Amino acid sequence: MMGLSPLLLATRGEQAAVPRTLAGRVSERIASVWSVPARALRLEWGHRSSTTPLAADAPFQLLGRGTGGWFVVVFDPATPAASAVRVRAGLEQPVAVAARPLVAGQTLTPEDLSEEVRVHWGAPAGTKLSEMPGPGWEMRRALAAGEAVTAPAATPPPDVLAGESVRFEWRTGEVEVSVVGIALHAARRGERLRARLEERPTRLEGTVTAPGRAALRTEAR
């Protein structure tokens, strides 16, 4: 992730005049709430309710839950000069972007995607690079070129393919049972999977837990 110092951003001339040092202190407070480095935050300030200059060491109170990145900062809260301003906080994160128009049902290829760094307004999304859409993912709905490719608009490739061997497992206490079946259809992690025993017509059902593995359903044991 590329980090930025908490700089003031011009917004049609309505941005509050917050000294850089004070803005940095606000950034550090938000960073501690979100457990992220302060240098990675980007702040956008709204219109301040007072035109009185702020001191770099001015006390302040941070209000709000940060929904959508929005907080309210009250400066000099214990004085008659108290003033409030909305501030929006976000982090720059890499995102997968449609390199060209994408249609529902399409399986993504490297040529369909590009990577850009964009601001995510709000608390960290928690998405790992390994979880970003990539080649092999399937589109659930159409996207225009330049739109971010995210779930649920795109879904990861199946963890199990039709015809593959799948180990169905069941555990209770110290008892463990496993049996290998042949998948009758493709399925992703968390989805229901039906299979048959090798060289037998007996059917198995379970929930996919990992590539090639599934938890056996109770009624199928």
C-alpha atoms as a PDB file:
ATOM      1  CA  MET A   1       0.000   0.000   0.000  1.00  0.00           C
ATOM      2  CA  MET A   2       1.342   3.464  -0.868  1.00  0.00           C
ATOM      3  CA  GLY A   3       1.161   5.776   2.140  1.00  0.00           C
ATOM      4  CA  LEU A   4       0.511   9.539   2.096  1.00  0.00           C
ATOM      5  CA  SER A   5       1.201  12.155   4.745  1.00  0.00           C
ATOM      6  CA  PRO A   6      -2.034  13.611   6.117  1.00  0.00           C
ATOM      7  CA  LEU A   7      -2.128  16.641   3.767  1.00  0.00           C
ATOM      8  CA  LEU A   8      -4.978  19.111   3.475  1.00  0.00           C
ATOM      9  CA  LEU A   9      -6.965  18.602   0.284  1.00  0.00           C
ATOM     10  CA  ALA A  10      -8.649  21.497  -1.527  1.00  0.00           C
ATOM     11  CA  THR A  11     -12.408  21.072  -1.870  1.00  0.00           C
ATOM     12  CA  ARG A  12     -13.990  23.997  -3.761  1.00  0.00           C
ATOM     13  CA  GLY A  13     -12.571  26.456  -1.252  1.00  0.00           C
ATOM     14  CA  GLU A  14     -14.748  25.140   1.585  1.00  0.00           C
ATOM     15  CA  GLN A  15     -12.102  23.096   3.343  1.00  0.00           C
ATOM     16  CA  ALA A  16     -11.339  23.924   6.948  1.00  0.00           C
ATOM     17  CA  ALA A  17      -7.970  25.581   7.559  1.00  0.00           C
ATOM     18  CA  VAL A  18      -6.404  22.949   9.818  1.00  0.00           C
ATOM     19  CA  PRO A  19      -2.664  23.265  10.449  1.00  0.00           C
ATOM     20  CA  ARG A  20      -0.599  20.375   9.144  1.00  0.00           C
ATOM     21  CA  THR A  21       0.622  19.408  12.622  1.00  0.00           C
ATOM     22  CA  LEU A  22      -2.923  19.387  14.010  1.00  0.00           C
ATOM     23  CA  ALA A  23      -4.163  17.416  11.016  1.00  0.00           C
ATOM     24  CA  GLY A  24      -1.391  14.923  11.736  1.00  0.00           C
ATOM     25  CA  ARG A  25      -2.584  14.530  15.321  1.00  0.00           C
ATOM     26  CA  VAL A  26      -6.135  13.870  14.110  1.00  0.00           C
ATOM     27  CA  SER A  27      -4.743  11.361  11.636  1.00  0.00           C
ATOM     28  CA  GLU A  28      -2.886   9.577  14.442  1.00  0.00           C
ATOM     29  CA  ARG A  29      -6.069   9.377  16.521  1.00  0.00           C
ATOM     30  CA  ILE A  30      -8.062   7.844  13.653  1.00  0.00           C
ATOM     31  CA  ALA A  31      -5.178   5.506  12.868  1.00  0.00           C
ATOM     32  CA  SER A  32      -5.220   4.229  16.451  1.00  0.00           C
ATOM     33  CA  VAL A  33      -8.969   3.562  16.173  1.00  0.00           C
ATOM     34  CA  TRP A  34      -8.490   1.580  12.964  1.00  0.00           C
ATOM     35  CA  SER A  35      -5.129   0.042  13.948  1.00  0.00           C
ATOM     36  CA  VAL A  36      -3.358   1.288  10.820  1.00  0.00           C
ATOM     37  CA  PRO A  37      -0.244   3.458  10.280  1.00  0.00           C
ATOM     38  CA  ALA A  38      -1.100   7.172  10.389  1.00  0.00           C
ATOM     39  CA  ARG A  39       1.063   7.784   7.316  1.00  0.00           C
ATOM     40  CA  ALA A  40      -1.274   5.548   5.285  1.00  0.00           C
ATOM     41  CA  LEU A  41      -4.332   7.715   5.943  1.00  0.00           C
ATOM     42  CA  ARG A  42      -5.740  10.302   3.586  1.00  0.00           C
ATOM     43  CA  LEU A  43      -7.982  13.017   5.052  1.00  0.00           C
ATOM     44  CA  GLU A  44     -10.543  15.299   3.429  1.00  0.00           C
ATOM     45  CA  TRP A  45     -11.828  18.136   5.586  1.00  0.00           C
ATOM     46  CA  GLY A  46     -15.261  19.699   5.406  1.00  0.00           C
ATOM     47  CA  HIS A  47     -16.384  23.238   6.254  1.00  0.00           C
ATOM     48  CA  ARG A  48     -15.477  24.393   9.745  1.00  0.00           C
ATOM     49  CA  SER A  49     -18.104  26.116  11.915  1.00  0.00           C
ATOM     50  CA  SER A  50     -15.684  28.896  12.929  1.00  0.00           C
ATOM     51  CA  THR A  51     -13.104  31.072  11.176  1.00  0.00           C
ATOM     52  CA  THR A  52     -10.923  31.491  14.285  1.00  0.00           C
ATOM     53  CA  PRO A  53      -7.420  30.196  13.515  1.00  0.00           C
ATOM     54  CA  LEU A  54      -6.512  26.894  15.137  1.00  0.00           C
ATOM     55  CA  ALA A  55      -3.337  26.325  17.086  1.00  0.00           C
ATOM     56  CA  ALA A  56      -1.182  23.327  16.179  1.00  0.00           C
ATOM     57  CA  ASP A  57      -1.484  22.065  19.762  1.00  0.00           C
ATOM     58  CA  ALA A  58      -5.247  22.681  20.048  1.00  0.00           C
ATOM     59  CA  PRO A  59      -7.121  19.965  21.984  1.00  0.00           C
ATOM     60  CA  PHE A  60      -9.788  18.108  20.076  1.00  0.00           C
ATOM     61  CA  GLN A  61     -12.421  15.398  20.448  1.00  0.00           C
ATOM     62  CA  LEU A  62     -13.104  12.777  17.791  1.00  0.00           C
ATOM     63  CA  LEU A  63     -16.769  11.804  17.431  1.00  0.00           C
ATOM     64  CA  GLY A  64     -18.533   9.177  15.339  1.00  0.00           C
ATOM     65  CA  ARG A  65     -18.037   5.581  14.269  1.00  0.00           C
ATOM     66  CA  GLY A  66     -16.242   6.339  11.032  1.00  0.00           C
ATOM     67  CA  THR A  67     -19.042   4.965   8.843  1.00  0.00           C
ATOM     68  CA  GLY A  68     -18.005   5.594   5.255  1.00  0.00           C
ATOM     69  CA  GLY A  69     -14.880   7.209   6.688  1.00  0.00           C
ATOM     70  CA  TRP A  70     -16.783  10.131   8.281  1.00  0.00           C
ATOM     71  CA  PHE A  71     -15.964  11.563  11.708  1.00  0.00           C
ATOM     72  CA  VAL A  72     -16.661  14.877  13.416  1.00  0.00           C
ATOM     73  CA  VAL A  73     -13.735  16.655  15.056  1.00  0.00           C
ATOM     74  CA  VAL A  74     -14.523  19.190  17.776  1.00  0.00           C
ATOM     75  CA  PHE A  75     -11.598  21.562  18.367  1.00  0.00           C
ATOM     76  CA  ASP A  76     -11.126  23.281  21.749  1.00  0.00           C
ATOM     77  CA  PRO A  77     -14.179  21.403  23.081  1.00  0.00           C
ATOM     78  CA  ALA A  78     -13.948  22.858  26.605  1.00  0.00           C
ATOM     79  CA  THR A  79     -13.808  26.512  25.542  1.00  0.00           C
ATOM     80  CA  PRO A  80     -16.259  29.095  24.140  1.00  0.00           C
ATOM     81  CA  ALA A  81     -14.214  28.978  20.928  1.00  0.00           C
ATOM     82  CA  ALA A  82     -15.157  25.321  20.322  1.00  0.00           C
ATOM     83  CA  SER A  83     -15.793  24.532  16.677  1.00  0.00           C
ATOM     84  CA  ALA A  84     -16.630  21.381  14.757  1.00  0.00           C
ATOM     85  CA  VAL A  85     -15.679  20.088  11.326  1.00  0.00           C
ATOM     86  CA  ARG A  86     -16.446  16.906   9.456  1.00  0.00           C
ATOM     87  CA  VAL A  87     -13.488  14.920   8.215  1.00  0.00           C
ATOM     88  CA  ARG A  88     -13.425  11.903   5.956  1.00  0.00           C
ATOM     89  CA  ALA A  89     -10.643   9.376   6.352  1.00  0.00           C
ATOM     90  CA  GLY A  90      -9.568   6.686   3.938  1.00  0.00           C
ATOM     91  CA  LEU A  91      -6.660   4.506   2.924  1.00  0.00           C
ATOM     92  CA  GLU A  92      -5.148   3.994  -0.488  1.00  0.00           C
ATOM     93  CA  GLN A  93      -5.435   0.345  -1.464  1.00  0.00           C
ATOM     94  CA  PRO A  94      -4.781  -1.640  -4.645  1.00  0.00           C
ATOM     95  CA  VAL A  95      -7.968  -2.704  -6.438  1.00  0.00           C
ATOM     96  CA  ALA A  96      -8.685  -4.806  -9.505  1.00  0.00           C
ATOM     97  CA  VAL A  97     -10.252  -2.727 -12.268  1.00  0.00           C
ATOM     98  CA  ALA A  98     -12.041  -3.791 -15.452  1.00  0.00           C
ATOM     99  CA  ALA A  99      -9.629  -3.140 -18.331  1.00  0.00           C
ATOM    100  CA  ARG A 100     -12.555  -3.431 -20.751  1.00  0.00           C
ATOM    101  CA  PRO A 101     -16.314  -4.039 -20.527  1.00  0.00           C
ATOM    102  CA  LEU A 102     -17.129  -7.290 -18.732  1.00  0.00           C
ATOM    103  CA  VAL A 103     -20.317  -9.353 -19.059  1.00  0.00           C
ATOM    104  CA  ALA A 104     -22.142 -11.675 -16.678  1.00  0.00           C
ATOM    105  CA  GLY A 105     -20.953 -15.289 -16.904  1.00  0.00           C
ATOM    106  CA  GLN A 106     -17.539 -14.308 -18.257  1.00  0.00           C
ATOM    107  CA  THR A 107     -14.445 -16.042 -16.894  1.00  0.00           C
ATOM    108  CA  LEU A 108     -11.754 -13.435 -16.339  1.00  0.00           C
ATOM    109  CA  THR A 109      -8.387 -13.503 -18.101  1.00  0.00           C
ATOM    110  CA  PRO A 110      -5.274 -11.380 -17.408  1.00  0.00           C
ATOM    111  CA  GLU A 111      -6.267  -9.077 -20.290  1.00  0.00           C
ATOM    112  CA  ASP A 112      -9.601  -8.284 -18.588  1.00  0.00           C
ATOM    113  CA  LEU A 113      -8.020  -6.729 -15.510  1.00  0.00           C
ATOM    114  CA  SER A 114      -5.673  -3.992 -14.452  1.00  0.00           C
ATOM    115  CA  GLU A 115      -4.580  -2.870 -10.999  1.00  0.00           C
ATOM    116  CA  GLU A 116      -4.990   0.643  -9.646  1.00  0.00           C
ATOM    117  CA  VAL A 117      -4.484   2.279  -6.273  1.00  0.00           C
ATOM    118  CA  ARG A 118      -7.687   3.936  -5.082  1.00  0.00           C
ATOM    119  CA  VAL A 119      -8.886   5.437  -1.832  1.00  0.00           C
ATOM    120  CA  HIS A 120     -11.100   3.207   0.296  1.00  0.00           C
ATOM    121  CA  TRP A 121     -13.120   5.586   2.449  1.00  0.00           C
ATOM    122  CA  GLY A 122     -13.667   4.041   5.842  1.00  0.00           C
ATOM    123  CA  ALA A 123     -12.050   1.422   8.034  1.00  0.00           C
ATOM    124  CA  PRO A 124      -9.704  -1.052   6.303  1.00  0.00           C
ATOM    125  CA  ALA A 125     -11.645  -3.490   4.155  1.00  0.00           C
ATOM    126  CA  GLY A 126      -9.397  -6.344   5.235  1.00  0.00           C
ATOM    127  CA  THR A 127      -9.062  -7.674   1.690  1.00  0.00           C
ATOM    128  CA  LYS A 128      -5.776  -9.490   1.083  1.00  0.00           C
ATOM    129  CA  LEU A 129      -4.026  -9.286  -2.244  1.00  0.00           C
ATOM    130  CA  SER A 130      -4.621 -13.019  -2.605  1.00  0.00           C
ATOM    131  CA  GLU A 131      -8.370 -12.357  -2.313  1.00  0.00           C
ATOM    132  CA  MET A 132      -8.485  -9.754  -5.070  1.00  0.00           C
ATOM    133  CA  PRO A 133     -10.320 -10.858  -8.230  1.00  0.00           C
ATOM    134  CA  GLY A 134      -7.992 -12.328 -10.799  1.00  0.00           C
ATOM    135  CA  PRO A 135      -7.857 -14.675 -13.791  1.00  0.00           C
ATOM    136  CA  GLY A 136     -10.284 -17.562 -13.410  1.00  0.00           C
ATOM    137  CA  TRP A 137     -12.857 -15.558 -11.455  1.00  0.00           C
ATOM    138  CA  GLU A 138     -16.383 -15.512 -12.881  1.00  0.00           C
ATOM    139  CA  MET A 139     -18.474 -12.390 -13.418  1.00  0.00           C
ATOM    140  CA  ARG A 140     -21.941 -12.399 -11.851  1.00  0.00           C
ATOM    141  CA  ARG A 141     -22.950  -9.088 -13.440  1.00  0.00           C
ATOM    142  CA  ALA A 142     -21.718  -6.765 -16.148  1.00  0.00           C
ATOM    143  CA  LEU A 143     -19.210  -3.996 -15.423  1.00  0.00           C
ATOM    144  CA  ALA A 144     -18.043  -1.091 -17.551  1.00  0.00           C
ATOM    145  CA  ALA A 145     -14.371  -0.470 -18.274  1.00  0.00           C
ATOM    146  CA  GLY A 146     -12.743   1.313 -15.334  1.00  0.00           C
ATOM    147  CA  GLU A 147     -15.127  -0.023 -12.684  1.00  0.00           C
ATOM    148  CA  ALA A 148     -13.657  -1.807  -9.676  1.00  0.00           C
ATOM    149  CA  VAL A 149     -14.046  -5.581  -9.862  1.00  0.00           C
ATOM    150  CA  THR A 150     -15.116  -6.782  -6.423  1.00  0.00           C
ATOM    151  CA  ALA A 151     -17.302  -9.443  -4.834  1.00  0.00           C
ATOM    152  CA  PRO A 152     -20.167 -10.153  -5.261  1.00  0.00           C
ATOM    153  CA  ALA A 153     -19.972  -8.816  -8.830  1.00  0.00           C
ATOM    154  CA  ALA A 154     -17.233 -11.406  -9.347  1.00  0.00           C
ATOM    155  CA  THR A 155     -16.776 -14.768  -7.649  1.00  0.00           C
ATOM    156  CA  PRO A 156     -13.613 -16.848  -7.248  1.00  0.00           C
ATOM    157  CA  PRO A 157     -13.052 -19.977  -9.299  1.00  0.00           C
ATOM    158  CA  PRO A 158     -14.552 -23.200  -7.923  1.00  0.00           C
ATOM    159  CA  ASP A 159     -12.562 -25.023  -5.244  1.00  0.00           C
ATOM    160  CA  VAL A 160     -13.915 -28.299  -6.634  1.00  0.00           C
ATOM    161  CA  LEU A 161     -14.589 -29.161 -10.277  1.00  0.00           C
ATOM    162  CA  ALA A 162     -16.998 -31.758 -11.597  1.00  0.00           C
ATOM    163  CA  GLY A 163     -15.306 -35.169 -11.833  1.00  0.00           C
ATOM    164  CA  GLU A 164     -12.590 -34.362  -9.294  1.00  0.00           C
ATOM    165  CA  SER A 165     -11.878 -36.479  -6.226  1.00  0.00           C
ATOM    166  CA  VAL A 166     -13.061 -34.905  -2.983  1.00  0.00           C
ATOM    167  CA  ARG A 167     -12.297 -36.050   0.544  1.00  0.00           C
ATOM    168  CA  PHE A 168     -15.414 -35.804   2.737  1.00  0.00           C
ATOM    169  CA  GLU A 169     -14.565 -35.520   6.422  1.00  0.00           C
ATOM    170  CA  TRP A 170     -16.498 -35.763   9.673  1.00  0.00           C
ATOM    171  CA  ARG A 171     -15.126 -35.293  13.186  1.00  0.00           C
ATOM    172  CA  THR A 172     -16.665 -35.552  16.635  1.00  0.00           C
ATOM    173  CA  GLY A 173     -14.444 -35.701  19.689  1.00  0.00           C
ATOM    174  CA  GLU A 174     -11.665 -38.188  18.959  1.00  0.00           C
ATOM    175  CA  VAL A 175     -13.639 -39.917  16.202  1.00  0.00           C
ATOM    176  CA  GLU A 176     -12.739 -39.025  12.641  1.00  0.00           C
ATOM    177  CA  VAL A 177     -14.256 -40.441   9.471  1.00  0.00           C
ATOM    178  CA  SER A 178     -13.246 -39.642   5.901  1.00  0.00           C
ATOM    179  CA  VAL A 179     -14.310 -40.990   2.553  1.00  0.00           C
ATOM    180  CA  VAL A 180     -13.378 -40.075  -1.013  1.00  0.00           C
ATOM    181  CA  GLY A 181     -16.050 -39.264  -3.554  1.00  0.00           C
ATOM    182  CA  ILE A 182     -16.254 -37.964  -7.117  1.00  0.00           C
ATOM    183  CA  ALA A 183     -17.788 -34.493  -7.421  1.00  0.00           C
ATOM    184  CA  LEU A 184     -20.944 -34.361  -9.531  1.00  0.00           C
ATOM    185  CA  HIS A 185     -20.656 -30.605 -10.118  1.00  0.00           C
ATOM    186  CA  ALA A 186     -18.407 -27.630  -9.413  1.00  0.00           C
ATOM    187  CA  ALA A 187     -18.648 -25.792  -6.088  1.00  0.00           C
ATOM    188  CA  ARG A 188     -16.905 -23.051  -4.136  1.00  0.00           C
ATOM    189  CA  ARG A 189     -15.952 -22.860  -0.473  1.00  0.00           C
ATOM    190  CA  GLY A 190     -19.083 -22.726   1.653  1.00  0.00           C
ATOM    191  CA  GLU A 191     -21.319 -24.142  -1.088  1.00  0.00           C
ATOM    192  CA  ARG A 192     -23.186 -27.453  -1.028  1.00  0.00           C
ATOM    193  CA  LEU A 193     -21.522 -30.299  -2.933  1.00  0.00           C
ATOM    194  CA  ARG A 194     -22.957 -33.588  -4.151  1.00  0.00           C
ATOM    195  CA  ALA A 195     -20.725 -36.518  -5.040  1.00  0.00           C
ATOM    196  CA  ARG A 196     -20.737 -40.283  -5.503  1.00  0.00           C
ATOM    197  CA  LEU A 197     -18.502 -42.908  -4.022  1.00  0.00           C
ATOM    198  CA  GLU A 198     -15.776 -44.208  -6.285  1.00  0.00           C
ATOM    199  CA  GLU A 199     -17.044 -47.248  -8.223  1.00  0.00           C
ATOM    200  CA  ARG A 200     -20.369 -47.147  -6.338  1.00  0.00           C
ATOM    201  CA  PRO A 201     -23.709 -45.399  -6.916  1.00  0.00           C
ATOM    202  CA  THR A 202     -23.872 -44.230  -3.268  1.00  0.00           C
ATOM    203  CA  ARG A 203     -24.351 -40.479  -3.028  1.00  0.00           C
ATOM    204  CA  LEU A 204     -22.578 -38.099  -0.641  1.00  0.00           C
ATOM    205  CA  GLU A 205     -23.409 -34.534   0.306  1.00  0.00           C
ATOM    206  CA  GLY A 206     -21.376 -31.951   2.145  1.00  0.00           C
ATOM    207  CA  THR A 207     -20.083 -28.396   2.238  1.00  0.00           C
ATOM    208  CA  VAL A 208     -16.846 -27.436   0.518  1.00  0.00           C
ATOM    209  CA  THR A 209     -14.219 -26.342   3.052  1.00  0.00           C
ATOM    210  CA  ALA A 210     -11.086 -26.162   0.879  1.00  0.00           C
ATOM    211  CA  PRO A 211      -9.869 -27.287  -2.535  1.00  0.00           C
ATOM    212  CA  GLY A 212     -10.565 -31.026  -2.726  1.00  0.00           C
ATOM    213  CA  ARG A 213     -12.179 -31.178   0.728  1.00  0.00           C
ATOM    214  CA  ALA A 214     -15.695 -31.047   2.131  1.00  0.00           C
ATOM    215  CA  ALA A 215     -17.455 -31.488   5.474  1.00  0.00           C
ATOM    216  CA  LEU A 216     -19.839 -34.438   5.319  1.00  0.00           C
ATOM    217  CA  ARG A 217     -23.468 -33.567   6.035  1.00  0.00           C
ATOM    218  CA  THR A 218     -25.049 -35.220   9.090  1.00  0.00           C
ATOM    219  CA  GLU A 219     -27.848 -36.913   7.182  1.00  0.00           C
ATOM    220  CA  ALA A 220     -25.322 -38.261   4.662  1.00  0.00           C
ATOM    221  CA  ARG A 221     -23.172 -40.054   7.261  1.00  0.00           C
END
